Amino acid sequence: MRCAIGLGSRLPRVAFLCPYSSCRFLPTASFGTLQALRERGEEHRILGRLQNAKAERMQLKRRRRDQEVVGRKKARHERDMKLKDRWGEEDEGKTDEDKRAAMQARQAVWMETRELDAEEDAEAQKRWGAEDMEEEEPVHEREVVKTASTVREDQLDAFQYFDNDGGYSLPRLLVQNLLLCDDAALSLGDVDALLNLPVLPRRQEALPYRKLAVSTVPAPTQQPAT
């Protein structure tokens, strides 16, 4: 079995003899590495779509609540200005003593108004908290999709088969060759795309494969108790 590998973007392909070509376990092991990379890539795309959808929901929720706060502040400002204008009209023609007498009653009205405003704000916070509990998406939490991870022992075994040093890493060039050996339809671009995963270092020649054997999917939603 021979594997084609590109030694550089501008260099031609050269033949590379797979050192495991005579072993009967090679097809199973190399397929396991290819399957792991494909599954991790698909899981990453699914989580990415869910992440974007959640970010949009959270932004919409924040924007709606911000608009509600702005609306309350605007209505209160207009109310306060009307109240001050009315008091100003009432003070016309009054003596200073009469104004001081009215001031005490007005301060009580002002304090009562502020207390009502605080109750309204607390009620809004309570309502938002109930919404967050129902949707299980608190608006203040990070916009991250909750996930559940499982170690795929079969895929870990497939990578370990090629790990002679037991250091839980494989040379990037070896992994590229294994992928090209297993699927003749793969191009070098396809291989690069398979290895373009967040859990893998982009410019590192040794690939830590333990993370590639960990399946990460959206966490199941908890059903409310009946």
Protein backbone atom coordinates (compact mmCIF):
# COMPACT_ATOMS: atom_id res chain seq x y z
CA MET A 1 0.00 0.00 0.00
CA ARG A 2 1.35 3.41 -0.94
CA CYS A 3 0.17 6.80 0.29
CA ALA A 4 0.52 10.06 -1.56
CA ILE A 5 1.51 13.06 0.51
CA GLY A 6 2.25 16.63 -0.41
CA LEU A 7 5.40 18.02 1.17
CA GLY A 8 4.37 21.62 0.55
CA SER A 9 1.78 23.70 -1.23
CA ARG A 10 4.13 24.31 -4.16
CA LEU A 11 5.83 20.93 -4.21
CA PRO A 12 4.61 17.92 -6.21
CA ARG A 13 3.21 14.87 -4.53
CA VAL A 14 5.67 12.10 -3.76
CA ALA A 15 5.08 8.47 -2.91
CA PHE A 16 5.34 7.54 0.73
CA LEU A 17 5.47 3.90 1.73
CA CYS A 18 3.16 3.29 4.67
CA PRO A 19 5.19 1.52 7.39
CA TYR A 20 2.10 -0.41 8.50
CA SER A 21 1.09 -1.65 5.06
CA SER A 22 1.83 -5.29 5.85
CA CYS A 23 -0.23 -5.39 9.05
CA ARG A 24 -3.72 -6.90 8.84
CA PHE A 25 -5.02 -4.47 11.50
CA LEU A 26 -4.15 -1.41 9.43
CA PRO A 27 -7.53 -1.02 7.64
CA THR A 28 -9.46 -1.04 10.91
CA ALA A 29 -7.07 1.31 12.70
CA SER A 30 -6.71 3.80 9.85
CA PHE A 31 -10.48 3.83 9.28
CA GLY A 32 -10.93 4.57 12.99
CA THR A 33 -8.75 7.68 12.72
CA LEU A 34 -10.62 8.87 9.64
CA GLN A 35 -13.98 8.22 11.28
CA ALA A 36 -12.91 10.09 14.42
CA LEU A 37 -11.85 13.17 12.45
CA ARG A 38 -15.03 13.19 10.40
CA GLU A 39 -17.23 12.84 13.47
CA ARG A 40 -15.36 15.57 15.39
CA GLY A 41 -15.70 17.87 12.40
CA GLU A 42 -19.45 17.25 12.15
CA GLU A 43 -19.88 17.72 15.90
CA HIS A 44 -17.99 21.01 15.69
CA ARG A 45 -20.26 22.23 12.88
CA ILE A 46 -23.41 21.25 14.78
CA LEU A 47 -22.24 22.97 17.96
CA GLY A 48 -21.26 26.03 15.91
CA ARG A 49 -24.76 26.32 14.46
CA LEU A 50 -26.33 25.90 17.91
CA GLN A 51 -23.90 28.45 19.34
CA ASN A 52 -24.82 31.02 16.71
CA ALA A 53 -28.53 30.40 17.23
CA LYS A 54 -28.18 30.80 20.99
CA ALA A 55 -26.13 33.99 20.59
CA GLU A 56 -28.88 35.45 18.40
CA ARG A 57 -31.55 34.54 20.95
CA MET A 58 -29.57 36.04 23.81
CA GLN A 59 -28.87 39.25 21.89
CA LEU A 60 -32.56 39.57 20.99
CA LYS A 61 -33.53 39.03 24.63
CA ARG A 62 -31.03 41.64 25.86
CA ARG A 63 -32.14 44.13 23.22
CA ARG A 64 -35.80 43.66 24.15
CA ARG A 65 -35.08 44.15 27.84
CA ASP A 66 -32.87 47.18 27.19
CA GLN A 67 -35.67 48.74 25.16
CA GLU A 68 -38.08 48.08 28.03
CA VAL A 69 -35.75 49.81 30.49
CA VAL A 70 -35.32 52.79 28.17
CA GLY A 71 -39.10 53.02 27.75
CA ARG A 72 -39.65 53.05 31.53
CA LYS A 73 -37.01 55.73 32.05
CA LYS A 74 -38.49 57.89 29.30
CA ALA A 75 -42.02 57.58 30.73
CA ARG A 76 -40.79 58.44 34.23
CA HIS A 77 -38.86 61.44 32.98
CA GLU A 78 -41.95 62.79 31.21
CA ARG A 79 -44.06 62.16 34.31
CA ASP A 80 -41.55 63.96 36.57
CA MET A 81 -41.33 66.95 34.23
CA LYS A 82 -45.13 67.29 34.15
CA LEU A 83 -45.25 67.06 37.93
CA LYS A 84 -42.60 69.77 38.32
CA ASP A 85 -44.40 71.99 35.81
CA ARG A 86 -47.67 71.58 37.71
CA TRP A 87 -46.02 72.42 41.00
CA GLY A 88 -44.38 75.42 39.41
CA GLU A 89 -47.77 76.70 38.24
CA GLU A 90 -49.24 76.10 41.69
CA ASP A 91 -46.43 78.13 43.30
CA GLU A 92 -47.18 81.22 41.23
CA GLY A 93 -48.38 83.97 43.54
CA LYS A 94 -47.61 82.02 46.73
CA THR A 95 -45.52 83.42 49.53
CA ASP A 96 -42.27 81.76 50.54
CA GLU A 97 -43.96 80.40 53.65
CA ASP A 98 -46.73 78.81 51.58
CA LYS A 99 -44.14 77.29 49.25
CA ARG A 100 -42.25 75.77 52.18
CA ALA A 101 -45.48 74.32 53.53
CA ALA A 102 -46.26 72.73 50.15
CA MET A 103 -42.72 71.39 49.83
CA GLN A 104 -43.17 68.86 52.64
CA ALA A 105 -46.24 67.33 51.02
CA ARG A 106 -44.51 67.29 47.64
CA GLN A 107 -41.48 65.48 49.04
CA ALA A 108 -43.80 62.76 50.34
CA VAL A 109 -45.35 62.45 46.87
CA TRP A 110 -41.87 62.35 45.33
CA MET A 111 -40.72 59.58 47.70
CA GLU A 112 -43.86 57.54 47.07
CA THR A 113 -43.31 57.86 43.33
CA ARG A 114 -39.74 56.62 43.67
CA GLU A 115 -40.89 53.66 45.75
CA LEU A 116 -43.41 52.74 43.07
CA ASP A 117 -40.66 52.96 40.45
CA ALA A 118 -38.45 50.61 42.49
CA GLU A 119 -41.30 48.12 42.82
CA GLU A 120 -41.86 48.24 39.06
CA ASP A 121 -38.14 47.57 38.44
CA ALA A 122 -38.15 44.68 40.92
CA GLU A 123 -41.21 43.20 39.25
CA ALA A 124 -39.49 43.38 35.85
CA GLN A 125 -36.42 41.63 37.26
CA LYS A 126 -38.64 38.93 38.75
CA ARG A 127 -40.44 38.45 35.44
CA TRP A 128 -37.15 38.21 33.53
CA GLY A 129 -35.84 35.69 36.05
CA ALA A 130 -38.94 33.54 35.52
CA GLU A 131 -38.39 33.72 31.75
CA ASP A 132 -34.76 32.65 32.13
CA MET A 133 -35.72 29.72 34.36
CA GLU A 134 -38.39 28.57 31.91
CA GLU A 135 -36.04 28.83 28.91
CA GLU A 136 -32.98 27.61 30.89
CA GLU A 137 -30.98 30.46 29.32
CA PRO A 138 -30.11 33.19 31.84
CA VAL A 139 -29.42 36.40 29.97
CA HIS A 140 -26.30 37.11 32.04
CA GLU A 141 -24.62 33.76 31.38
CA ARG A 142 -21.99 33.22 28.72
CA GLU A 143 -23.39 32.45 25.30
CA VAL A 144 -22.19 28.86 25.34
CA VAL A 145 -24.06 25.74 24.39
CA LYS A 146 -24.04 23.16 27.16
CA THR A 147 -22.39 19.95 26.01
CA ALA A 148 -21.83 16.36 27.09
CA SER A 149 -18.58 14.54 26.30
CA THR A 150 -17.85 10.83 25.93
CA VAL A 151 -14.54 9.09 25.28
CA ARG A 152 -14.78 6.84 22.23
CA GLU A 153 -12.56 3.97 23.29
CA ASP A 154 -12.65 2.36 19.85
CA GLN A 155 -11.34 5.56 18.24
CA LEU A 156 -8.76 6.06 20.97
CA ASP A 157 -7.51 2.52 20.32
CA ALA A 158 -7.26 3.31 16.61
CA PHE A 159 -4.94 6.27 17.28
CA GLN A 160 -2.96 4.37 19.91
CA TYR A 161 -2.27 1.62 17.39
CA PHE A 162 0.07 4.00 15.56
CA ASP A 163 1.57 5.51 18.72
CA ASN A 164 4.87 3.68 19.19
CA ASP A 165 6.07 6.06 21.93
CA GLY A 166 2.89 6.03 24.03
CA GLY A 167 2.96 9.81 24.29
CA TYR A 168 -0.63 10.29 23.09
CA SER A 169 0.48 12.28 20.06
CA LEU A 170 1.19 11.42 16.43
CA PRO A 171 3.23 13.24 13.78
CA ARG A 172 1.02 15.34 11.54
CA LEU A 173 2.67 13.86 8.45
CA LEU A 174 1.85 10.33 9.60
CA VAL A 175 -1.80 11.20 10.20
CA GLN A 176 -2.02 12.83 6.78
CA ASN A 177 -0.62 9.69 5.16
CA LEU A 178 -2.97 7.41 7.07
CA LEU A 179 -5.96 9.40 5.88
CA LEU A 180 -4.79 9.32 2.28
CA CYS A 181 -4.12 5.58 2.59
CA ASP A 182 -7.59 4.86 3.89
CA ASP A 183 -9.60 6.86 1.36
CA ALA A 184 -8.20 7.26 -2.13
CA ALA A 185 -10.87 9.88 -2.88
CA LEU A 186 -9.40 12.29 -0.33
CA SER A 187 -7.29 15.16 -1.61
CA LEU A 188 -4.66 17.03 0.37
CA GLY A 189 -7.18 19.83 0.78
CA ASP A 190 -9.68 17.36 2.22
CA VAL A 191 -7.07 16.12 4.69
CA ASP A 192 -6.22 19.67 5.77
CA ALA A 193 -9.93 20.35 6.29
CA LEU A 194 -10.28 17.22 8.43
CA LEU A 195 -7.36 18.33 10.59
CA ASN A 196 -8.69 21.88 10.92
CA LEU A 197 -10.33 21.35 14.30
CA PRO A 198 -10.36 23.68 17.33
CA VAL A 199 -8.89 20.94 19.54
CA LEU A 200 -5.81 20.59 17.31
CA PRO A 201 -2.92 23.07 17.23
CA ARG A 202 -2.67 24.63 13.78
CA ARG A 203 1.11 24.86 13.42
CA GLN A 204 2.26 21.96 15.57
CA GLU A 205 3.83 18.91 13.97
CA ALA A 206 2.79 16.58 16.81
CA LEU A 207 -0.98 16.11 17.02
CA PRO A 208 -2.40 15.27 20.49
CA TYR A 209 -4.95 12.65 19.53
CA ARG A 210 -6.67 11.99 22.86
CA LYS A 211 -9.00 14.95 22.27
CA LEU A 212 -9.87 13.54 18.86
CA ALA A 213 -11.35 10.46 20.55
CA VAL A 214 -13.70 12.57 22.70
CA SER A 215 -17.19 12.96 21.28
CA THR A 216 -18.80 16.26 22.31
CA VAL A 217 -22.48 16.75 21.60
CA PRO A 218 -25.20 19.12 22.89
CA ALA A 219 -26.26 18.16 26.40
CA PRO A 220 -29.77 16.69 26.61
CA THR A 221 -32.34 19.12 27.93
CA GLN A 222 -33.81 18.29 31.32
CA GLN A 223 -37.50 17.56 31.21
CA PRO A 224 -39.50 19.32 33.93
CA ALA A 225 -40.69 17.03 36.71
CA THR A 226 -44.34 16.12 36.50
